[in-house]
Amino acid sequence: MSFFLSYGWWLLLILFIIFSGLVTVNQATIAVVTMFGKYQRILRPGLNFKIPLVEQIYRRVSVQNRSVELEFQAVTLDQANVYFKSMLLYAVMNAEEETIKKVAFKFISDRDLMQALIRTIEGNIRSYVATKRQAEILALRKDIVDSVKMEVDHVLEDWGYHLLDLQINDITFDKAIMDSMSKVVASNNLKAAAENEGQALLITKTKSAEAEGNAIKIAAEAEREAARLRGQGVALFREEVARGMSMAAEQMKQANLDTNVILFSMWTEAIKNFAEVGKGNIIFLDGSPDGMEKNMNQIMAMMKLTNDYKS
């Protein structure tokens, strides 16, 4: 009985030692095994076995992506304070053994790694910003990211990590600088608005002048045409009057009558017409015998000139 009891304890001890050597490694995690403090091997996800009491799990390294938020200050070339808020995304470069060894033994703890990583990022951004002026920073967000990624990637590779992404979420300045920038933007907007308003007013004035010029041109053309037609009408009227007077004078000559009767009749008709259509306007006529004779002579001279022109 005592024999079976003694062997039973040994069996339990052996089973305990065997089961204590079983190790479960989670997905996306790699376990680093050491023996007597020296690196031995790595264990990949799943059920693994290590030598009990001899091999130890030194560290479990996650190969998943990690992110960290950064807030820091930099100074530009013209001594302006710039405040950055950024997000850093990084991960273990790959799951190869050499890479895992770097990750496991380069830093004492993840806290030390994080501190070194943050200071490296901040230092590179500060170095870049120190070569630029305050007015250039906002437009160089992408250039800052590209420059930092190129510089930091080499450092992280030596640590076994890879910089996946760096996002600069916010860039701000001191309140005085922000206020001055707002004033500059507002004044530029006012300037642009004034220029646009001036251009609109110039276009309006130009179009109005063109329209007025066209209206004057059209009115002048119409007036010229009207004057031409009035001249033609007056000429035709005079021609018909002269023709009628000539015919009347010829008929009176054939009847042995004095042609002055025609002139007297025209004179009295003219006075009558003045009285009827004058609308109250004052017209001065010389009604004396001398004045009448003078007017008659002028009419006869006009008739003679017309006849001479026709012949």
C-alpha atoms as a PDB file:
ATOM      1  CA  MET A   1       0.000   0.000   0.000  1.00  0.00           C
ATOM      2  CA  SER A   2       2.797   2.344   0.934  1.00  0.00           C
ATOM      3  CA  PHE A   3       4.500   1.426  -2.360  1.00  0.00           C
ATOM      4  CA  PHE A   4       1.539   2.596  -4.426  1.00  0.00           C
ATOM      5  CA  LEU A   5       1.256   5.736  -2.337  1.00  0.00           C
ATOM      6  CA  SER A   6       4.895   6.663  -2.850  1.00  0.00           C
ATOM      7  CA  TYR A   7       4.702   6.047  -6.614  1.00  0.00           C
ATOM      8  CA  GLY A   8       1.430   7.975  -6.792  1.00  0.00           C
ATOM      9  CA  TRP A   9       3.108  11.083  -5.418  1.00  0.00           C
ATOM     10  CA  TRP A  10       5.894  10.739  -7.924  1.00  0.00           C
ATOM     11  CA  LEU A  11       3.347  10.367 -10.725  1.00  0.00           C
ATOM     12  CA  LEU A  12       1.498  13.490  -9.597  1.00  0.00           C
ATOM     13  CA  LEU A  13       4.764  15.391  -9.433  1.00  0.00           C
ATOM     14  CA  ILE A  14       5.735  14.304 -12.925  1.00  0.00           C
ATOM     15  CA  LEU A  15       2.305  15.280 -14.288  1.00  0.00           C
ATOM     16  CA  PHE A  16       2.533  18.655 -12.560  1.00  0.00           C
ATOM     17  CA  ILE A  17       5.951  19.292 -14.059  1.00  0.00           C
ATOM     18  CA  ILE A  18       4.717  18.285 -17.527  1.00  0.00           C
ATOM     19  CA  PHE A  19       1.627  20.474 -17.358  1.00  0.00           C
ATOM     20  CA  SER A  20       3.641  23.400 -15.995  1.00  0.00           C
ATOM     21  CA  GLY A  21       5.650  23.279 -19.208  1.00  0.00           C
ATOM     22  CA  LEU A  22       2.564  23.880 -21.356  1.00  0.00           C
ATOM     23  CA  VAL A  23       2.249  27.515 -22.536  1.00  0.00           C
ATOM     24  CA  THR A  24      -0.644  29.160 -24.393  1.00  0.00           C
ATOM     25  CA  VAL A  25       0.251  32.118 -26.615  1.00  0.00           C
ATOM     26  CA  ASN A  26      -2.595  34.356 -27.764  1.00  0.00           C
ATOM     27  CA  GLN A  27      -3.240  35.380 -31.361  1.00  0.00           C
ATOM     28  CA  ALA A  28      -1.149  38.372 -32.599  1.00  0.00           C
ATOM     29  CA  THR A  29       1.286  37.730 -29.747  1.00  0.00           C
ATOM     30  CA  ILE A  30       4.734  36.126 -29.711  1.00  0.00           C
ATOM     31  CA  ALA A  31       6.354  34.879 -26.483  1.00  0.00           C
ATOM     32  CA  VAL A  32      10.106  35.265 -25.930  1.00  0.00           C
ATOM     33  CA  VAL A  33      11.709  32.366 -24.001  1.00  0.00           C
ATOM     34  CA  THR A  34      14.953  32.615 -22.042  1.00  0.00           C
ATOM     35  CA  MET A  35      16.992  29.938 -20.279  1.00  0.00           C
ATOM     36  CA  PHE A  36      18.977  31.023 -17.258  1.00  0.00           C
ATOM     37  CA  GLY A  37      18.523  34.648 -18.392  1.00  0.00           C
ATOM     38  CA  LYS A  38      19.761  34.068 -21.945  1.00  0.00           C
ATOM     39  CA  TYR A  39      17.607  34.229 -25.053  1.00  0.00           C
ATOM     40  CA  GLN A  40      16.547  30.784 -26.156  1.00  0.00           C
ATOM     41  CA  ARG A  41      13.701  30.916 -28.685  1.00  0.00           C
ATOM     42  CA  ILE A  42      10.259  32.336 -29.477  1.00  0.00           C
ATOM     43  CA  LEU A  43       6.828  30.752 -29.109  1.00  0.00           C
ATOM     44  CA  ARG A  44       4.148  31.526 -31.678  1.00  0.00           C
ATOM     45  CA  PRO A  45       0.340  31.697 -31.118  1.00  0.00           C
ATOM     46  CA  GLY A  46      -1.272  28.461 -29.909  1.00  0.00           C
ATOM     47  CA  LEU A  47      -0.292  25.731 -27.430  1.00  0.00           C
ATOM     48  CA  ASN A  48       3.475  25.461 -26.888  1.00  0.00           C
ATOM     49  CA  PHE A  49       5.780  23.570 -24.563  1.00  0.00           C
ATOM     50  CA  LYS A  50       8.748  24.886 -22.650  1.00  0.00           C
ATOM     51  CA  ILE A  51      11.142  23.052 -20.381  1.00  0.00           C
ATOM     52  CA  PRO A  52       9.683  23.327 -16.894  1.00  0.00           C
ATOM     53  CA  LEU A  53      11.697  25.167 -14.278  1.00  0.00           C
ATOM     54  CA  VAL A  54      14.437  25.905 -16.804  1.00  0.00           C
ATOM     55  CA  GLU A  55      12.903  27.959 -19.598  1.00  0.00           C
ATOM     56  CA  GLN A  56      11.045  31.142 -18.684  1.00  0.00           C
ATOM     57  CA  ILE A  57       8.677  33.459 -20.583  1.00  0.00           C
ATOM     58  CA  TYR A  58      10.704  36.692 -20.604  1.00  0.00           C
ATOM     59  CA  ARG A  59       8.164  38.864 -22.493  1.00  0.00           C
ATOM     60  CA  ARG A  60       5.083  38.578 -24.621  1.00  0.00           C
ATOM     61  CA  VAL A  61       5.362  40.849 -27.683  1.00  0.00           C
ATOM     62  CA  SER A  62       2.210  42.030 -29.408  1.00  0.00           C
ATOM     63  CA  VAL A  63       2.418  42.506 -33.180  1.00  0.00           C
ATOM     64  CA  GLN A  64      -0.816  44.507 -33.297  1.00  0.00           C
ATOM     65  CA  ASN A  65      -0.934  48.180 -34.258  1.00  0.00           C
ATOM     66  CA  ARG A  66      -0.500  50.696 -31.451  1.00  0.00           C
ATOM     67  CA  SER A  67      -1.443  54.362 -31.305  1.00  0.00           C
ATOM     68  CA  VAL A  68      -0.470  57.244 -29.082  1.00  0.00           C
ATOM     69  CA  GLU A  69      -1.486  60.901 -28.966  1.00  0.00           C
ATOM     70  CA  LEU A  70       1.197  63.578 -28.754  1.00  0.00           C
ATOM     71  CA  GLU A  71       0.999  67.220 -27.645  1.00  0.00           C
ATOM     72  CA  PHE A  72       4.113  69.367 -27.768  1.00  0.00           C
ATOM     73  CA  GLN A  73       5.466  72.809 -28.635  1.00  0.00           C
ATOM     74  CA  ALA A  74       7.957  73.990 -31.250  1.00  0.00           C
ATOM     75  CA  VAL A  75       9.526  77.352 -32.153  1.00  0.00           C
ATOM     76  CA  THR A  76       9.731  78.685 -35.716  1.00  0.00           C
ATOM     77  CA  LEU A  77      12.603  80.507 -37.378  1.00  0.00           C
ATOM     78  CA  ASP A  78      10.987  83.876 -36.538  1.00  0.00           C
ATOM     79  CA  GLN A  79      10.541  82.892 -32.857  1.00  0.00           C
ATOM     80  CA  ALA A  80       6.818  82.065 -32.939  1.00  0.00           C
ATOM     81  CA  ASN A  81       5.495  79.346 -30.638  1.00  0.00           C
ATOM     82  CA  VAL A  82       3.647  76.536 -32.459  1.00  0.00           C
ATOM     83  CA  TYR A  83       1.542  73.962 -30.625  1.00  0.00           C
ATOM     84  CA  PHE A  84       1.002  70.538 -32.184  1.00  0.00           C
ATOM     85  CA  LYS A  85      -1.535  67.819 -31.495  1.00  0.00           C
ATOM     86  CA  SER A  86      -0.790  64.630 -33.378  1.00  0.00           C
ATOM     87  CA  MET A  87      -1.581  60.933 -33.484  1.00  0.00           C
ATOM     88  CA  LEU A  88       1.126  58.313 -33.945  1.00  0.00           C
ATOM     89  CA  LEU A  89       0.389  54.823 -35.298  1.00  0.00           C
ATOM     90  CA  TYR A  90       3.143  52.218 -35.160  1.00  0.00           C
ATOM     91  CA  ALA A  91       3.645  48.457 -34.912  1.00  0.00           C
ATOM     92  CA  VAL A  92       6.267  45.722 -34.743  1.00  0.00           C
ATOM     93  CA  MET A  93       7.914  45.555 -38.151  1.00  0.00           C
ATOM     94  CA  ASN A  94       7.275  41.817 -38.667  1.00  0.00           C
ATOM     95  CA  ALA A  95       7.049  38.523 -36.781  1.00  0.00           C
ATOM     96  CA  GLU A  96      10.512  37.289 -37.686  1.00  0.00           C
ATOM     97  CA  GLU A  97      12.749  36.047 -34.875  1.00  0.00           C
ATOM     98  CA  GLU A  98      15.433  38.724 -35.237  1.00  0.00           C
ATOM     99  CA  THR A  99      12.826  41.474 -35.168  1.00  0.00           C
ATOM    100  CA  ILE A 100      11.170  40.028 -32.069  1.00  0.00           C
ATOM    101  CA  LYS A 101      14.562  39.826 -30.335  1.00  0.00           C
ATOM    102  CA  LYS A 102      15.103  43.561 -31.010  1.00  0.00           C
ATOM    103  CA  VAL A 103      11.689  44.436 -29.639  1.00  0.00           C
ATOM    104  CA  ALA A 104      12.149  42.293 -26.549  1.00  0.00           C
ATOM    105  CA  PHE A 105      15.658  43.371 -25.537  1.00  0.00           C
ATOM    106  CA  LYS A 106      16.184  46.943 -26.828  1.00  0.00           C
ATOM    107  CA  PHE A 107      14.222  48.568 -23.997  1.00  0.00           C
ATOM    108  CA  ILE A 108      13.670  47.595 -20.395  1.00  0.00           C
ATOM    109  CA  SER A 109       9.928  48.210 -20.631  1.00  0.00           C
ATOM    110  CA  ASP A 110       7.238  49.538 -22.930  1.00  0.00           C
ATOM    111  CA  ARG A 111       7.265  52.775 -20.949  1.00  0.00           C
ATOM    112  CA  ASP A 112      10.900  53.386 -21.891  1.00  0.00           C
ATOM    113  CA  LEU A 113      10.106  52.596 -25.527  1.00  0.00           C
ATOM    114  CA  MET A 114       7.179  55.030 -25.537  1.00  0.00           C
ATOM    115  CA  GLN A 115       9.264  57.800 -24.011  1.00  0.00           C
ATOM    116  CA  ALA A 116      12.043  57.345 -26.560  1.00  0.00           C
ATOM    117  CA  LEU A 117       9.544  57.179 -29.443  1.00  0.00           C
ATOM    118  CA  ILE A 118       7.711  60.350 -28.391  1.00  0.00           C
ATOM    119  CA  ARG A 119      10.922  62.308 -27.855  1.00  0.00           C
ATOM    120  CA  THR A 120      12.233  61.193 -31.240  1.00  0.00           C
ATOM    121  CA  ILE A 121       9.064  62.357 -33.011  1.00  0.00           C
ATOM    122  CA  GLU A 122       9.024  65.660 -31.143  1.00  0.00           C
ATOM    123  CA  GLY A 123      12.689  66.294 -31.824  1.00  0.00           C
ATOM    124  CA  ASN A 124      12.325  65.744 -35.558  1.00  0.00           C
ATOM    125  CA  ILE A 125       9.281  68.003 -35.810  1.00  0.00           C
ATOM    126  CA  ARG A 126      10.979  70.727 -33.774  1.00  0.00           C
ATOM    127  CA  SER A 127      14.071  70.534 -35.991  1.00  0.00           C
ATOM    128  CA  TYR A 128      11.969  70.896 -39.116  1.00  0.00           C
ATOM    129  CA  VAL A 129       9.808  73.746 -37.741  1.00  0.00           C
ATOM    130  CA  ALA A 130      12.899  75.656 -36.609  1.00  0.00           C
ATOM    131  CA  THR A 131      13.871  76.129 -40.284  1.00  0.00           C
ATOM    132  CA  LYS A 132      10.475  77.569 -41.311  1.00  0.00           C
ATOM    133  CA  ARG A 133       8.685  80.833 -40.655  1.00  0.00           C
ATOM    134  CA  GLN A 134       5.398  81.105 -38.810  1.00  0.00           C
ATOM    135  CA  ALA A 135       3.469  82.065 -41.966  1.00  0.00           C
ATOM    136  CA  GLU A 136       4.643  78.873 -43.714  1.00  0.00           C
ATOM    137  CA  ILE A 137       3.751  76.303 -41.069  1.00  0.00           C
ATOM    138  CA  LEU A 138       0.028  75.882 -41.769  1.00  0.00           C
ATOM    139  CA  ALA A 139       0.678  75.188 -45.440  1.00  0.00           C
ATOM    140  CA  LEU A 140       3.437  72.650 -44.687  1.00  0.00           C
ATOM    141  CA  ARG A 141       1.433  70.100 -42.681  1.00  0.00           C
ATOM    142  CA  LYS A 142       1.998  67.298 -45.215  1.00  0.00           C
ATOM    143  CA  ASP A 143       5.663  68.226 -45.683  1.00  0.00           C
ATOM    144  CA  ILE A 144       6.228  68.025 -41.922  1.00  0.00           C
ATOM    145  CA  VAL A 145       4.666  64.555 -41.776  1.00  0.00           C
ATOM    146  CA  ASP A 146       6.681  63.274 -44.744  1.00  0.00           C
ATOM    147  CA  SER A 147       9.931  64.649 -43.372  1.00  0.00           C
ATOM    148  CA  VAL A 148       9.383  63.153 -39.910  1.00  0.00           C
ATOM    149  CA  LYS A 149       8.341  59.750 -41.265  1.00  0.00           C
ATOM    150  CA  MET A 150      11.452  59.554 -43.421  1.00  0.00           C
ATOM    151  CA  GLU A 151      13.766  60.420 -40.528  1.00  0.00           C
ATOM    152  CA  VAL A 152      12.043  58.387 -37.811  1.00  0.00           C
ATOM    153  CA  ASP A 153      11.568  55.203 -39.850  1.00  0.00           C
ATOM    154  CA  HIS A 154      15.325  54.507 -39.792  1.00  0.00           C
ATOM    155  CA  VAL A 155      15.470  54.838 -36.018  1.00  0.00           C
ATOM    156  CA  LEU A 156      12.399  52.665 -35.439  1.00  0.00           C
ATOM    157  CA  GLU A 157      13.686  49.926 -37.740  1.00  0.00           C
ATOM    158  CA  ASP A 158      16.713  49.558 -35.488  1.00  0.00           C
ATOM    159  CA  TRP A 159      14.282  49.074 -32.590  1.00  0.00           C
ATOM    160  CA  GLY A 160      12.194  46.534 -34.515  1.00  0.00           C
ATOM    161  CA  TYR A 161       9.243  48.865 -35.125  1.00  0.00           C
ATOM    162  CA  HIS A 162       7.717  50.574 -38.150  1.00  0.00           C
ATOM    163  CA  LEU A 163       5.958  53.956 -38.251  1.00  0.00           C
ATOM    164  CA  LEU A 164       2.639  53.301 -39.977  1.00  0.00           C
ATOM    165  CA  ASP A 165       1.171  56.782 -39.881  1.00  0.00           C
ATOM    166  CA  LEU A 166       1.621  60.204 -38.337  1.00  0.00           C
ATOM    167  CA  GLN A 167      -1.339  62.576 -38.350  1.00  0.00           C
ATOM    168  CA  ILE A 168      -0.991  66.196 -37.274  1.00  0.00           C
ATOM    169  CA  ASN A 169      -4.530  66.921 -36.120  1.00  0.00           C
ATOM    170  CA  ASP A 170      -4.115  70.491 -34.923  1.00  0.00           C
ATOM    171  CA  ILE A 171      -1.624  73.341 -35.301  1.00  0.00           C
ATOM    172  CA  THR A 172      -2.117  76.450 -33.192  1.00  0.00           C
ATOM    173  CA  PHE A 173      -0.138  79.536 -32.214  1.00  0.00           C
ATOM    174  CA  ASP A 174      -0.132  81.972 -29.318  1.00  0.00           C
ATOM    175  CA  LYS A 175      -3.334  84.014 -28.935  1.00  0.00           C
ATOM    176  CA  ALA A 176      -1.684  87.228 -30.134  1.00  0.00           C
ATOM    177  CA  ILE A 177      -0.499  85.522 -33.318  1.00  0.00           C
ATOM    178  CA  MET A 178      -3.896  83.903 -33.897  1.00  0.00           C
ATOM    179  CA  ASP A 179      -5.596  87.299 -33.500  1.00  0.00           C
ATOM    180  CA  SER A 180      -3.190  88.938 -35.932  1.00  0.00           C
ATOM    181  CA  MET A 181      -3.696  86.112 -38.442  1.00  0.00           C
ATOM    182  CA  SER A 182      -7.471  86.574 -38.156  1.00  0.00           C
ATOM    183  CA  LYS A 183      -7.071  90.299 -38.817  1.00  0.00           C
ATOM    184  CA  VAL A 184      -4.906  89.620 -41.855  1.00  0.00           C
ATOM    185  CA  VAL A 185      -7.471  87.173 -43.240  1.00  0.00           C
ATOM    186  CA  ALA A 186     -10.305  89.640 -42.555  1.00  0.00           C
ATOM    187  CA  SER A 187      -8.437  92.509 -44.226  1.00  0.00           C
ATOM    188  CA  ASN A 188      -7.625  90.325 -47.249  1.00  0.00           C
ATOM    189  CA  ASN A 189     -11.298  89.390 -47.514  1.00  0.00           C
ATOM    190  CA  LEU A 190     -12.307  93.059 -47.316  1.00  0.00           C
ATOM    191  CA  LYS A 191      -9.714  93.916 -49.953  1.00  0.00           C
ATOM    192  CA  ALA A 192     -10.986  91.162 -52.251  1.00  0.00           C
ATOM    193  CA  ALA A 193     -14.577  92.304 -51.674  1.00  0.00           C
ATOM    194  CA  ALA A 194     -13.639  95.918 -52.485  1.00  0.00           C
ATOM    195  CA  GLU A 195     -11.834  94.838 -55.642  1.00  0.00           C
ATOM    196  CA  ASN A 196     -14.827  92.762 -56.718  1.00  0.00           C
ATOM    197  CA  GLU A 197     -17.179  95.645 -55.972  1.00  0.00           C
ATOM    198  CA  GLY A 198     -14.959  98.008 -57.958  1.00  0.00           C
ATOM    199  CA  GLN A 199     -14.889  95.620 -60.884  1.00  0.00           C
ATOM    200  CA  ALA A 200     -18.677  95.257 -60.750  1.00  0.00           C
ATOM    201  CA  LEU A 201     -19.119  99.049 -60.635  1.00  0.00           C
ATOM    202  CA  LEU A 202     -16.704  99.478 -63.543  1.00  0.00           C
ATOM    203  CA  ILE A 203     -18.600  96.915 -65.595  1.00  0.00           C
ATOM    204  CA  THR A 204     -21.910  98.587 -64.716  1.00  0.00           C
ATOM    205  CA  LYS A 205     -20.613 102.031 -65.660  1.00  0.00           C
ATOM    206  CA  THR A 206     -19.061 100.700 -68.866  1.00  0.00           C
ATOM    207  CA  LYS A 207     -22.255  98.940 -69.908  1.00  0.00           C
ATOM    208  CA  SER A 208     -24.304 102.043 -69.039  1.00  0.00           C
ATOM    209  CA  ALA A 209     -21.974 104.248 -71.105  1.00  0.00           C
ATOM    210  CA  GLU A 210     -22.137 101.802 -74.002  1.00  0.00           C
ATOM    211  CA  ALA A 211     -25.935 101.744 -73.796  1.00  0.00           C
ATOM    212  CA  GLU A 212     -26.099 105.546 -73.639  1.00  0.00           C
ATOM    213  CA  GLY A 213     -23.688 105.838 -76.563  1.00  0.00           C
ATOM    214  CA  ASN A 214     -25.747 103.402 -78.594  1.00  0.00           C
ATOM    215  CA  ALA A 215     -28.914 105.319 -77.728  1.00  0.00           C
ATOM    216  CA  ILE A 216     -27.309 108.608 -78.811  1.00  0.00           C
ATOM    217  CA  LYS A 217     -26.066 106.984 -81.984  1.00  0.00           C
ATOM    218  CA  ILE A 218     -29.505 105.586 -82.775  1.00  0.00           C
ATOM    219  CA  ALA A 219     -31.145 108.937 -82.000  1.00  0.00           C
ATOM    220  CA  ALA A 220     -28.629 110.751 -84.219  1.00  0.00           C
ATOM    221  CA  GLU A 221     -29.240 108.303 -87.041  1.00  0.00           C
ATOM    222  CA  ALA A 222     -32.984 108.775 -86.655  1.00  0.00           C
ATOM    223  CA  GLU A 223     -32.621 112.571 -86.538  1.00  0.00           C
ATOM    224  CA  ARG A 224     -30.440 112.550 -89.636  1.00  0.00           C
ATOM    225  CA  GLU A 225     -32.966 110.413 -91.488  1.00  0.00           C
ATOM    226  CA  ALA A 226     -35.811 112.634 -90.319  1.00  0.00           C
ATOM    227  CA  ALA A 227     -33.907 115.750 -91.403  1.00  0.00           C
ATOM    228  CA  ARG A 228     -33.240 114.194 -94.787  1.00  0.00           C
ATOM    229  CA  LEU A 229     -36.914 113.345 -95.217  1.00  0.00           C
ATOM    230  CA  ARG A 230     -37.961 116.837 -94.047  1.00  0.00           C
ATOM    231  CA  GLY A 231     -35.560 118.368 -96.562  1.00  0.00           C
ATOM    232  CA  GLN A 232     -36.964 116.219 -99.319  1.00  0.00           C
ATOM    233  CA  GLY A 233     -40.490 117.208 -98.270  1.00  0.00           C
ATOM    234  CA  VAL A 234     -39.650 120.926 -98.252  1.00  0.00           C
ATOM    235  CA  ALA A 235     -37.938 120.620-101.617  1.00  0.00           C
ATOM    236  CA  LEU A 236     -40.943 118.852-103.106  1.00  0.00           C
ATOM    237  CA  PHE A 237     -43.245 121.453-101.570  1.00  0.00           C
ATOM    238  CA  ARG A 238     -41.254 124.293-103.034  1.00  0.00           C
ATOM    239  CA  GLU A 239     -41.078 122.563-106.378  1.00  0.00           C
ATOM    240  CA  GLU A 240     -44.853 122.095-106.456  1.00  0.00           C
ATOM    241  CA  VAL A 241     -45.468 125.669-105.360  1.00  0.00           C
ATOM    242  CA  ALA A 242     -43.152 126.977-108.040  1.00  0.00           C
ATOM    243  CA  ARG A 243     -44.775 124.750-110.657  1.00  0.00           C
ATOM    244  CA  GLY A 244     -48.269 125.891-109.623  1.00  0.00           C
ATOM    245  CA  MET A 245     -47.255 129.534-109.647  1.00  0.00           C
ATOM    246  CA  SER A 246     -45.623 129.159-113.049  1.00  0.00           C
ATOM    247  CA  MET A 247     -48.740 127.537-114.491  1.00  0.00           C
ATOM    248  CA  ALA A 248     -50.966 130.219-112.956  1.00  0.00           C
ATOM    249  CA  ALA A 249     -48.744 133.014-114.297  1.00  0.00           C
ATOM    250  CA  GLU A 250     -48.719 131.459-117.765  1.00  0.00           C
ATOM    251  CA  GLN A 251     -52.499 131.214-117.797  1.00  0.00           C
ATOM    252  CA  MET A 252     -52.858 134.842-116.670  1.00  0.00           C
ATOM    253  CA  LYS A 253     -50.476 135.969-119.383  1.00  0.00           C
ATOM    254  CA  GLN A 254     -52.540 134.147-121.956  1.00  0.00           C
ATOM    255  CA  ALA A 255     -55.642 135.930-120.610  1.00  0.00           C
ATOM    256  CA  ASN A 256     -53.808 139.317-120.671  1.00  0.00           C
ATOM    257  CA  LEU A 257     -54.074 139.651-116.845  1.00  0.00           C
ATOM    258  CA  ASP A 258     -51.538 141.167-114.461  1.00  0.00           C
ATOM    259  CA  THR A 259     -49.447 138.451-112.778  1.00  0.00           C
ATOM    260  CA  ASN A 260     -48.991 140.576-109.678  1.00  0.00           C
ATOM    261  CA  VAL A 261     -52.496 139.499-108.707  1.00  0.00           C
ATOM    262  CA  ILE A 262     -51.021 136.026-108.015  1.00  0.00           C
ATOM    263  CA  LEU A 263     -48.413 137.474-105.696  1.00  0.00           C
ATOM    264  CA  PHE A 264     -51.014 139.567-103.884  1.00  0.00           C
ATOM    265  CA  SER A 265     -53.211 136.527-103.491  1.00  0.00           C
ATOM    266  CA  MET A 266     -50.256 134.502-102.085  1.00  0.00           C
ATOM    267  CA  TRP A 267     -49.499 137.343 -99.686  1.00  0.00           C
ATOM    268  CA  THR A 268     -53.045 137.491 -98.346  1.00  0.00           C
ATOM    269  CA  GLU A 269     -53.196 133.671 -98.057  1.00  0.00           C
ATOM    270  CA  ALA A 270     -49.998 133.694 -96.043  1.00  0.00           C
ATOM    271  CA  ILE A 271     -51.346 136.317 -93.635  1.00  0.00           C
ATOM    272  CA  LYS A 272     -54.578 134.352 -93.304  1.00  0.00           C
ATOM    273  CA  ASN A 273     -52.632 131.150 -92.530  1.00  0.00           C
ATOM    274  CA  PHE A 274     -50.554 132.946 -89.896  1.00  0.00           C
ATOM    275  CA  ALA A 275     -53.730 134.105 -88.173  1.00  0.00           C
ATOM    276  CA  GLU A 276     -55.372 130.663 -88.229  1.00  0.00           C
ATOM    277  CA  VAL A 277     -52.527 128.392 -87.145  1.00  0.00           C
ATOM    278  CA  GLY A 278     -50.277 130.787 -85.291  1.00  0.00           C
ATOM    279  CA  LYS A 279     -51.639 129.666 -81.871  1.00  0.00           C
ATOM    280  CA  GLY A 280     -51.180 133.111 -80.368  1.00  0.00           C
ATOM    281  CA  ASN A 281     -47.541 133.493 -81.457  1.00  0.00           C
ATOM    282  CA  ILE A 282     -46.500 137.002 -82.474  1.00  0.00           C
ATOM    283  CA  ILE A 283     -45.228 137.423 -86.047  1.00  0.00           C
ATOM    284  CA  PHE A 284     -44.085 140.837 -87.194  1.00  0.00           C
ATOM    285  CA  LEU A 285     -45.001 141.683 -90.820  1.00  0.00           C
ATOM    286  CA  ASP A 286     -44.366 144.938 -92.562  1.00  0.00           C
ATOM    287  CA  GLY A 287     -47.846 145.910 -93.767  1.00  0.00           C
ATOM    288  CA  SER A 288     -46.829 149.201 -95.306  1.00  0.00           C
ATOM    289  CA  PRO A 289     -46.955 149.628 -99.109  1.00  0.00           C
ATOM    290  CA  ASP A 290     -43.168 149.678 -99.228  1.00  0.00           C
ATOM    291  CA  GLY A 291     -42.931 146.478 -97.184  1.00  0.00           C
ATOM    292  CA  MET A 292     -45.534 144.761 -99.319  1.00  0.00           C
ATOM    293  CA  GLU A 293     -43.723 145.806-102.491  1.00  0.00           C
ATOM    294  CA  LYS A 294     -40.464 144.530-101.069  1.00  0.00           C
ATOM    295  CA  ASN A 295     -41.983 141.136-100.254  1.00  0.00           C
ATOM    296  CA  MET A 296     -43.567 140.924-103.701  1.00  0.00           C
ATOM    297  CA  ASN A 297     -40.234 141.595-105.355  1.00  0.00           C
ATOM    298  CA  GLN A 298     -38.572 138.872-103.288  1.00  0.00           C
ATOM    299  CA  ILE A 299     -41.264 136.372-104.292  1.00  0.00           C
ATOM    300  CA  MET A 300     -40.944 137.285-107.957  1.00  0.00           C
ATOM    301  CA  ALA A 301     -37.172 136.949-107.784  1.00  0.00           C
ATOM    302  CA  MET A 302     -37.561 133.505-106.245  1.00  0.00           C
ATOM    303  CA  MET A 303     -39.976 132.461-108.986  1.00  0.00           C
ATOM    304  CA  LYS A 304     -37.627 133.743-111.666  1.00  0.00           C
ATOM    305  CA  LEU A 305     -34.715 131.871-110.121  1.00  0.00           C
ATOM    306  CA  THR A 306     -36.790 128.695-110.079  1.00  0.00           C
ATOM    307  CA  ASN A 307     -37.748 129.051-113.705  1.00  0.00           C
ATOM    308  CA  ASP A 308     -34.167 129.757-114.706  1.00  0.00           C
ATOM    309  CA  TYR A 309     -33.020 126.672-112.829  1.00  0.00           C
ATOM    310  CA  LYS A 310     -35.566 124.471-114.602  1.00  0.00           C
ATOM    311  CA  SER A 311     -34.726 125.839-118.028  1.00  0.00           C
END
